[in-house]
C-alpha atoms as a PDB file:
ATOM      1  CA  UNK A   1       5.776 -48.339  21.920  1.00  0.00           C
ATOM      2  CA  UNK A   2       4.806 -46.840  25.194  1.00  0.00           C
ATOM      3  CA  UNK A   3       5.184 -43.104  24.842  1.00  0.00           C
ATOM      4  CA  UNK A   4       5.982 -42.865  28.541  1.00  0.00           C
ATOM      5  CA  UNK A   5       9.291 -44.556  27.787  1.00  0.00           C
ATOM      6  CA  UNK A   6      10.459 -41.519  25.811  1.00  0.00           C
ATOM      7  CA  UNK A   7       9.862 -38.524  27.990  1.00  0.00           C
ATOM      8  CA  UNK A   8      13.217 -36.785  28.034  1.00  0.00           C
ATOM      9  CA  UNK A   9      14.209 -34.472  25.189  1.00  0.00           C
ATOM     10  CA  UNK A  10      17.724 -35.935  25.339  1.00  0.00           C
ATOM     11  CA  UNK A  11      16.468 -39.477  24.793  1.00  0.00           C
ATOM     12  CA  UNK A  12      14.098 -38.372  22.020  1.00  0.00           C
ATOM     13  CA  UNK A  13      16.985 -36.676  20.222  1.00  0.00           C
ATOM     14  CA  UNK A  14      19.138 -39.806  20.608  1.00  0.00           C
ATOM     15  CA  UNK A  15      16.440 -42.042  19.149  1.00  0.00           C
ATOM     16  CA  UNK A  16      15.825 -39.604  16.301  1.00  0.00           C
ATOM     17  CA  UNK A  17      19.563 -39.617  15.546  1.00  0.00           C
ATOM     18  CA  UNK A  18      19.535 -43.430  15.474  1.00  0.00           C
ATOM     19  CA  UNK A  19      16.490 -43.398  13.183  1.00  0.00           C
ATOM     20  CA  UNK A  20      17.947 -40.864  10.730  1.00  0.00           C
ATOM     21  CA  UNK A  21      21.409 -42.427  10.741  1.00  0.00           C
ATOM     22  CA  UNK A  22      19.929 -45.851   9.986  1.00  0.00           C
ATOM     23  CA  UNK A  23      17.816 -44.322   7.201  1.00  0.00           C
ATOM     24  CA  UNK A  24      20.886 -42.745   5.600  1.00  0.00           C
ATOM     25  CA  UNK A  25      23.023 -45.838   6.079  1.00  0.00           C
ATOM     26  CA  UNK A  26      20.433 -48.128   4.446  1.00  0.00           C
ATOM     27  CA  UNK A  27      19.434 -45.743   1.632  1.00  0.00           C
ATOM     28  CA  UNK A  28      20.622 -46.551  -1.856  1.00  0.00           C
ATOM     29  CA  UNK A  29      22.804 -44.285  -3.994  1.00  0.00           C
ATOM     30  CA  UNK A  30      24.547 -42.378  -1.212  1.00  0.00           C
ATOM     31  CA  UNK A  31      27.502 -40.289  -2.339  1.00  0.00           C
ATOM     32  CA  UNK A  32      28.596 -39.469   1.197  1.00  0.00           C
ATOM     33  CA  UNK A  33      29.901 -42.776   2.591  1.00  0.00           C
ATOM     34  CA  UNK A  34      33.064 -41.328   4.142  1.00  0.00           C
ATOM     35  CA  UNK A  35      31.111 -38.446   5.690  1.00  0.00           C
ATOM     36  CA  UNK A  36      28.573 -40.948   7.043  1.00  0.00           C
ATOM     37  CA  UNK A  37      31.403 -42.921   8.643  1.00  0.00           C
ATOM     38  CA  UNK A  38      32.731 -39.726  10.244  1.00  0.00           C
ATOM     39  CA  UNK A  39      29.209 -38.914  11.460  1.00  0.00           C
ATOM     40  CA  UNK A  40      28.926 -42.364  13.023  1.00  0.00           C
ATOM     41  CA  UNK A  41      32.210 -41.815  14.848  1.00  0.00           C
ATOM     42  CA  UNK A  42      30.957 -38.435  16.067  1.00  0.00           C
ATOM     43  CA  UNK A  43      27.674 -39.922  17.296  1.00  0.00           C
ATOM     44  CA  UNK A  44      29.487 -42.725  19.110  1.00  0.00           C
ATOM     45  CA  UNK A  45      31.845 -40.155  20.632  1.00  0.00           C
ATOM     46  CA  UNK A  46      28.878 -38.027  21.781  1.00  0.00           C
ATOM     47  CA  UNK A  47      27.297 -41.045  23.423  1.00  0.00           C
ATOM     48  CA  UNK A  48      30.588 -41.929  25.132  1.00  0.00           C
ATOM     49  CA  UNK A  49      30.951 -38.334  26.334  1.00  0.00           C
ATOM     50  CA  UNK A  50      27.398 -38.369  27.671  1.00  0.00           C
ATOM     51  CA  UNK A  51      28.140 -41.530  29.615  1.00  0.00           C
ATOM     52  CA  UNK A  52      31.348 -40.155  31.122  1.00  0.00           C
ATOM     53  CA  UNK A  53      31.016 -39.989  34.897  1.00  0.00           C
ATOM     54  CA  UNK A  54      32.091 -37.035  36.955  1.00  0.00           C
ATOM     55  CA  UNK A  55      33.960 -37.563  40.230  1.00  0.00           C
ATOM     56  CA  UNK A  56      30.661 -37.172  42.124  1.00  0.00           C
ATOM     57  CA  UNK A  57      29.188 -40.122  40.184  1.00  0.00           C
ATOM     58  CA  UNK A  58      26.863 -38.064  37.997  1.00  0.00           C
ATOM     59  CA  UNK A  59      26.958 -38.215  34.232  1.00  0.00           C
ATOM     60  CA  UNK A  60      28.955 -35.308  32.869  1.00  0.00           C
ATOM     61  CA  UNK A  61      26.699 -32.585  31.469  1.00  0.00           C
ATOM     62  CA  UNK A  62      23.477 -34.560  32.004  1.00  0.00           C
ATOM     63  CA  UNK A  63      21.035 -34.712  34.919  1.00  0.00           C
ATOM     64  CA  UNK A  64      21.133 -37.916  36.957  1.00  0.00           C
ATOM     65  CA  UNK A  65      17.651 -39.025  35.961  1.00  0.00           C
ATOM     66  CA  UNK A  66      18.156 -39.075  32.189  1.00  0.00           C
ATOM     67  CA  UNK A  67      17.357 -42.465  30.765  1.00  0.00           C
ATOM     68  CA  UNK A  68      19.560 -43.563  27.889  1.00  0.00           C
ATOM     69  CA  UNK A  69      18.073 -45.546  25.031  1.00  0.00           C
ATOM     70  CA  UNK A  70      18.559 -49.216  25.723  1.00  0.00           C
ATOM     71  CA  UNK A  71      19.854 -51.579  23.089  1.00  0.00           C
ATOM     72  CA  UNK A  72      16.331 -52.878  22.350  1.00  0.00           C
ATOM     73  CA  UNK A  73      15.107 -49.332  21.623  1.00  0.00           C
ATOM     74  CA  UNK A  74      18.155 -48.661  19.465  1.00  0.00           C
ATOM     75  CA  UNK A  75      17.624 -51.850  17.484  1.00  0.00           C
ATOM     76  CA  UNK A  76      13.930 -51.060  16.943  1.00  0.00           C
ATOM     77  CA  UNK A  77      14.785 -47.592  15.636  1.00  0.00           C
ATOM     78  CA  UNK A  78      17.505 -49.034  13.377  1.00  0.00           C
ATOM     79  CA  UNK A  79      14.953 -51.460  11.913  1.00  0.00           C
ATOM     80  CA  UNK A  80      12.425 -48.679  11.407  1.00  0.00           C
ATOM     81  CA  UNK A  81      15.087 -46.465   9.787  1.00  0.00           C
ATOM     82  CA  UNK A  82      15.947 -49.264   7.347  1.00  0.00           C
ATOM     83  CA  UNK A  83      12.258 -49.775   6.526  1.00  0.00           C
ATOM     84  CA  UNK A  84      11.782 -46.054   5.954  1.00  0.00           C
ATOM     85  CA  UNK A  85      14.885 -46.031   3.711  1.00  0.00           C
ATOM     86  CA  UNK A  86      13.137 -48.483   1.387  1.00  0.00           C
ATOM     87  CA  UNK A  87      10.124 -46.168   1.194  1.00  0.00           C
ATOM     88  CA  UNK A  88      12.426 -43.162   0.752  1.00  0.00           C
ATOM     89  CA  UNK A  89      14.236 -44.807  -2.138  1.00  0.00           C
ATOM     90  CA  UNK A  90      10.889 -45.167  -3.895  1.00  0.00           C
ATOM     91  CA  UNK A  91       9.862 -41.549  -3.198  1.00  0.00           C
ATOM     92  CA  UNK A  92      13.201 -39.905  -3.996  1.00  0.00           C
ATOM     93  CA  UNK A  93      12.511 -39.547  -7.714  1.00  0.00           C
ATOM     94  CA  UNK A  94       9.307 -37.611  -6.958  1.00  0.00           C
ATOM     95  CA  UNK A  95      11.154 -34.686  -5.351  1.00  0.00           C
ATOM     96  CA  UNK A  96      11.742 -31.657  -7.561  1.00  0.00           C
ATOM     97  CA  UNK A  97      15.526 -31.134  -7.896  1.00  0.00           C
ATOM     98  CA  UNK A  98      15.067 -27.351  -7.655  1.00  0.00           C
ATOM     99  CA  UNK A  99      13.770 -27.763  -4.078  1.00  0.00           C
ATOM    100  CA  UNK A 100      16.920 -29.688  -3.188  1.00  0.00           C
ATOM    101  CA  UNK A 101      19.123 -27.035  -4.828  1.00  0.00           C
ATOM    102  CA  UNK A 102      17.366 -24.306  -2.822  1.00  0.00           C
ATOM    103  CA  UNK A 103      18.026 -26.234   0.382  1.00  0.00           C
ATOM    104  CA  UNK A 104      21.677 -26.702  -0.587  1.00  0.00           C
ATOM    105  CA  UNK A 105      22.022 -22.940  -1.078  1.00  0.00           C
ATOM    106  CA  UNK A 106      20.502 -22.303   2.360  1.00  0.00           C
ATOM    107  CA  UNK A 107      22.836 -24.768   4.055  1.00  0.00           C
ATOM    108  CA  UNK A 108      25.830 -23.179   2.333  1.00  0.00           C
ATOM    109  CA  UNK A 109      24.748 -19.600   3.161  1.00  0.00           C
ATOM    110  CA  UNK A 110      26.773 -18.249   6.064  1.00  0.00           C
ATOM    111  CA  UNK A 111      24.147 -15.762   7.226  1.00  0.00           C
ATOM    112  CA  UNK A 112      21.301 -18.257   7.785  1.00  0.00           C
ATOM    113  CA  UNK A 113      20.455 -19.249  11.339  1.00  0.00           C
ATOM    114  CA  UNK A 114      19.781 -22.865  12.233  1.00  0.00           C
ATOM    115  CA  UNK A 115      16.221 -21.893  13.062  1.00  0.00           C
ATOM    116  CA  UNK A 116      15.685 -20.262   9.662  1.00  0.00           C
ATOM    117  CA  UNK A 117      17.045 -23.323   7.869  1.00  0.00           C
ATOM    118  CA  UNK A 118      14.861 -25.633   9.969  1.00  0.00           C
ATOM    119  CA  UNK A 119      11.812 -23.475   9.192  1.00  0.00           C
ATOM    120  CA  UNK A 120      12.605 -23.576   5.481  1.00  0.00           C
ATOM    121  CA  UNK A 121      13.075 -27.346   5.632  1.00  0.00           C
ATOM    122  CA  UNK A 122       9.648 -27.578   7.249  1.00  0.00           C
ATOM    123  CA  UNK A 123       8.096 -25.542   4.435  1.00  0.00           C
ATOM    124  CA  UNK A 124       9.771 -27.690   1.763  1.00  0.00           C
ATOM    125  CA  UNK A 125       8.613 -30.906   3.459  1.00  0.00           C
ATOM    126  CA  UNK A 126       5.031 -29.633   3.536  1.00  0.00           C
ATOM    127  CA  UNK A 127       5.234 -28.567  -0.115  1.00  0.00           C
ATOM    128  CA  UNK A 128       6.614 -31.935  -1.243  1.00  0.00           C
ATOM    129  CA  UNK A 129       4.008 -33.862   0.760  1.00  0.00           C
ATOM    130  CA  UNK A 130       1.247 -31.664  -0.666  1.00  0.00           C
ATOM    131  CA  UNK A 131       2.415 -32.298  -4.250  1.00  0.00           C
ATOM    132  CA  UNK A 132       2.800 -36.061  -3.913  1.00  0.00           C
ATOM    133  CA  UNK A 133      -0.076 -38.497  -4.220  1.00  0.00           C
ATOM    134  CA  UNK A 134       0.912 -40.482  -1.158  1.00  0.00           C
ATOM    135  CA  UNK A 135      -0.809 -43.548   0.097  1.00  0.00           C
ATOM    136  CA  UNK A 136       0.484 -43.217   3.637  1.00  0.00           C
ATOM    137  CA  UNK A 137      -0.410 -41.169   6.665  1.00  0.00           C
ATOM    138  CA  UNK A 138       0.732 -37.556   6.558  1.00  0.00           C
ATOM    139  CA  UNK A 139       3.171 -37.784   9.487  1.00  0.00           C
ATOM    140  CA  UNK A 140       4.921 -40.805   7.986  1.00  0.00           C
ATOM    141  CA  UNK A 141       5.126 -38.986   4.646  1.00  0.00           C
ATOM    142  CA  UNK A 142       6.587 -35.899   6.336  1.00  0.00           C
ATOM    143  CA  UNK A 143       9.159 -38.009   8.176  1.00  0.00           C
ATOM    144  CA  UNK A 144      10.251 -39.881   5.053  1.00  0.00           C
ATOM    145  CA  UNK A 145      10.337 -36.722   2.916  1.00  0.00           C
ATOM    146  CA  UNK A 146      12.469 -34.882   5.513  1.00  0.00           C
ATOM    147  CA  UNK A 147      14.940 -37.759   5.578  1.00  0.00           C
ATOM    148  CA  UNK A 148      14.999 -38.044   1.767  1.00  0.00           C
ATOM    149  CA  UNK A 149      15.676 -34.316   1.523  1.00  0.00           C
ATOM    150  CA  UNK A 150      18.566 -34.701   3.985  1.00  0.00           C
ATOM    151  CA  UNK A 151      19.979 -37.509   1.838  1.00  0.00           C
ATOM    152  CA  UNK A 152      19.589 -35.500  -1.385  1.00  0.00           C
ATOM    153  CA  UNK A 153      21.282 -32.419   0.082  1.00  0.00           C
ATOM    154  CA  UNK A 154      24.145 -34.560   1.406  1.00  0.00           C
ATOM    155  CA  UNK A 155      24.428 -36.298  -1.963  1.00  0.00           C
ATOM    156  CA  UNK A 156      24.728 -32.889  -3.647  1.00  0.00           C
ATOM    157  CA  UNK A 157      27.320 -31.549  -1.178  1.00  0.00           C
ATOM    158  CA  UNK A 158      28.645 -34.374   1.025  1.00  0.00           C
ATOM    159  CA  UNK A 159      30.516 -31.973   3.302  1.00  0.00           C
ATOM    160  CA  UNK A 160      27.135 -30.662   4.492  1.00  0.00           C
ATOM    161  CA  UNK A 161      26.122 -34.025   5.998  1.00  0.00           C
ATOM    162  CA  UNK A 162      26.701 -33.128   9.660  1.00  0.00           C
ATOM    163  CA  UNK A 163      24.838 -29.816   9.358  1.00  0.00           C
ATOM    164  CA  UNK A 164      21.989 -31.420   7.387  1.00  0.00           C
ATOM    165  CA  UNK A 165      21.807 -34.291   9.874  1.00  0.00           C
ATOM    166  CA  UNK A 166      21.581 -31.923  12.848  1.00  0.00           C
ATOM    167  CA  UNK A 167      18.951 -29.730  11.161  1.00  0.00           C
ATOM    168  CA  UNK A 168      16.852 -32.738  10.165  1.00  0.00           C
ATOM    169  CA  UNK A 169      16.992 -34.165  13.702  1.00  0.00           C
ATOM    170  CA  UNK A 170      15.836 -30.762  15.013  1.00  0.00           C
ATOM    171  CA  UNK A 171      13.032 -30.615  12.441  1.00  0.00           C
ATOM    172  CA  UNK A 172      11.833 -34.115  13.325  1.00  0.00           C
ATOM    173  CA  UNK A 173      11.952 -33.460  17.066  1.00  0.00           C
ATOM    174  CA  UNK A 174      10.077 -30.166  16.679  1.00  0.00           C
ATOM    175  CA  UNK A 175       7.394 -31.376  14.276  1.00  0.00           C
ATOM    176  CA  UNK A 176       7.069 -35.149  14.495  1.00  0.00           C
ATOM    177  CA  UNK A 177       8.167 -36.048  18.026  1.00  0.00           C
ATOM    178  CA  UNK A 178       4.942 -37.806  19.066  1.00  0.00           C
ATOM    179  CA  UNK A 179       4.770 -39.702  15.797  1.00  0.00           C
ATOM    180  CA  UNK A 180       8.382 -40.882  16.056  1.00  0.00           C
ATOM    181  CA  UNK A 181       7.964 -41.884  19.689  1.00  0.00           C
ATOM    182  CA  UNK A 182       5.086 -44.144  18.719  1.00  0.00           C
ATOM    183  CA  UNK A 183       6.709 -45.784  15.700  1.00  0.00           C
ATOM    184  CA  UNK A 184       6.645 -49.550  15.500  1.00  0.00           C
ATOM    185  CA  UNK A 185       8.557 -51.686  13.024  1.00  0.00           C
ATOM    186  CA  UNK A 186       6.446 -52.968  10.143  1.00  0.00           C
ATOM    187  CA  UNK A 187       5.999 -56.685  10.251  1.00  0.00           C
END
């Protein structure tokens, strides 16, 4: 993909949301189906709100020049998310359950900032990647591990799905933005 196509933070976040949602939707053994459905409705609602025009013709809450992901981009990121879900299903058993439990406790804690949770998620991803004998590039491993961790936390406490989803999108956009923007579906 041409990285120039994805130059707005808004569009990058939208594509990351599509990627992560597709990963979660296509992953096996998800205990949060109803929460995932609610998340889908929320994401669709957000997109509809973003496309709402003001009386002056501008998009409400967004600068005029923001480019929205087109359906081709969305479909590509859905395909990639499904492909990564297959890899994630294979890697899921390698993740130490105590790391997932620690993340669950952080997400439940009321006194933790979003930034602190994102930083901790980053540390856990690096630790898991370091421990695993992976035969893939480090950025891909980090992306898959972050998404698997999100799935495992949501499986443990389904009501945390929206918070985990948001934190994981932030983590990916902060740490793996260039990698995600250049993803291509595997053939």
